[in-house]
Each structure stands twice: as structure tokens, then as C-alpha cells.
Amino acid sequence: MNQNIGGIERIVRVLVGLVMVGLTLAGQIGVWGWLGLVPMATGLIGWCPPYSLIGINTCKTKKT
């Protein structure tokens, strides 16, 4: 499983996920905020399954 998400995109995904989960815990948005776990997880591991299916790679490192 190669990384397919670049550095800045990873940071943005983690931040968006944290905001969504935080808003859910604060009671500002409903249970849909738990979907923030998905971008947070993909940002932390650096791999996005839909990107692999479509063939998108925003990571600047070479594939080995």
C-alpha cells in the first residue's frame, strides 16, 4: 500500500476531520460529524482508497 496523498493535503484532511469530530462532540452538528473520522484516518495513514481506484496520486515521492 503506497502513499497517494501529499503533505499539504494530509494536513488539511486531518484538520477537517478534527473540526468535524470536535463540532460533533460540542453538539454543534449531528451524528454526521463522525464522518470526520474518514478524512482524519486517510490523512494520518497517507492513503486514500478512492484515489487508488481512480489512479490519483498527489504524493510527490516516487513509487517503489
Protein backbone atom coordinates (compact mmCIF):
# COMPACT_ATOMS: atom_id res chain seq x y z
CA MET A 1 0.00 0.00 0.00
CA ASN A 2 1.82 3.10 -1.28
CA GLN A 3 1.02 6.58 -0.07
CA ASN A 4 -1.06 8.53 -2.55
CA ILE A 5 -1.80 11.73 -0.57
CA GLY A 6 0.65 14.64 -0.49
CA GLY A 7 1.80 16.56 2.58
CA ILE A 8 -0.44 19.61 2.48
CA GLU A 9 -3.50 17.53 1.59
CA ARG A 10 -2.77 15.22 4.53
CA ILE A 11 -2.66 18.16 6.93
CA VAL A 12 -5.91 19.59 5.54
CA ARG A 13 -7.66 16.21 5.81
CA VAL A 14 -6.60 15.77 9.43
CA LEU A 15 -7.66 19.31 10.36
CA VAL A 16 -11.04 18.98 8.64
CA GLY A 17 -11.60 15.66 10.39
CA LEU A 18 -10.68 17.11 13.77
CA VAL A 19 -13.01 20.07 13.27
CA MET A 20 -15.91 17.83 12.26
CA VAL A 21 -15.44 15.48 15.22
CA GLY A 22 -14.93 18.42 17.57
CA LEU A 23 -18.14 20.07 16.41
CA THR A 24 -19.97 16.79 16.92
CA LEU A 25 -18.64 16.43 20.45
CA ALA A 26 -19.60 20.05 21.18
CA GLY A 27 -23.15 19.37 20.00
CA GLN A 28 -22.96 21.85 17.12
CA ILE A 29 -23.58 19.32 14.37
CA GLY A 30 -25.32 15.97 14.44
CA VAL A 31 -24.01 12.45 14.15
CA TRP A 32 -22.90 13.15 10.57
CA GLY A 33 -19.86 14.85 12.08
CA TRP A 34 -18.46 11.43 12.93
CA LEU A 35 -17.76 11.10 9.21
CA GLY A 36 -14.82 13.36 10.02
CA LEU A 37 -13.04 10.22 11.15
CA VAL A 38 -12.67 9.20 7.49
CA PRO A 39 -10.60 12.19 6.28
CA MET A 40 -8.71 12.15 9.57
CA ALA A 41 -7.75 8.48 9.13
CA THR A 42 -6.82 8.83 5.46
CA GLY A 43 -4.73 11.89 6.29
CA LEU A 44 -2.91 10.09 9.07
CA ILE A 45 -2.06 7.00 7.04
CA GLY A 46 -1.47 8.92 3.79
CA TRP A 47 -3.51 6.56 1.65
CA CYS A 48 -6.96 7.12 0.14
CA PRO A 49 -8.76 4.05 -1.28
CA PRO A 50 -10.85 6.02 -3.84
CA TYR A 51 -7.67 7.70 -5.09
CA SER A 52 -6.18 4.25 -5.70
CA LEU A 53 -9.22 3.13 -7.67
CA ILE A 54 -9.22 6.24 -9.84
CA GLY A 55 -5.42 6.43 -10.18
CA ILE A 56 -4.91 9.79 -8.47
CA ASN A 57 -1.63 10.41 -6.67
CA THR A 58 -0.91 13.79 -5.03
CA CYS A 59 2.16 12.49 -3.20
CA LYS A 60 5.41 13.82 -4.64
CA THR A 61 7.53 10.80 -3.66
CA LYS A 62 8.40 8.21 -6.27
CA LYS A 63 6.58 4.88 -6.26
CA THR A 64 8.80 1.93 -5.42
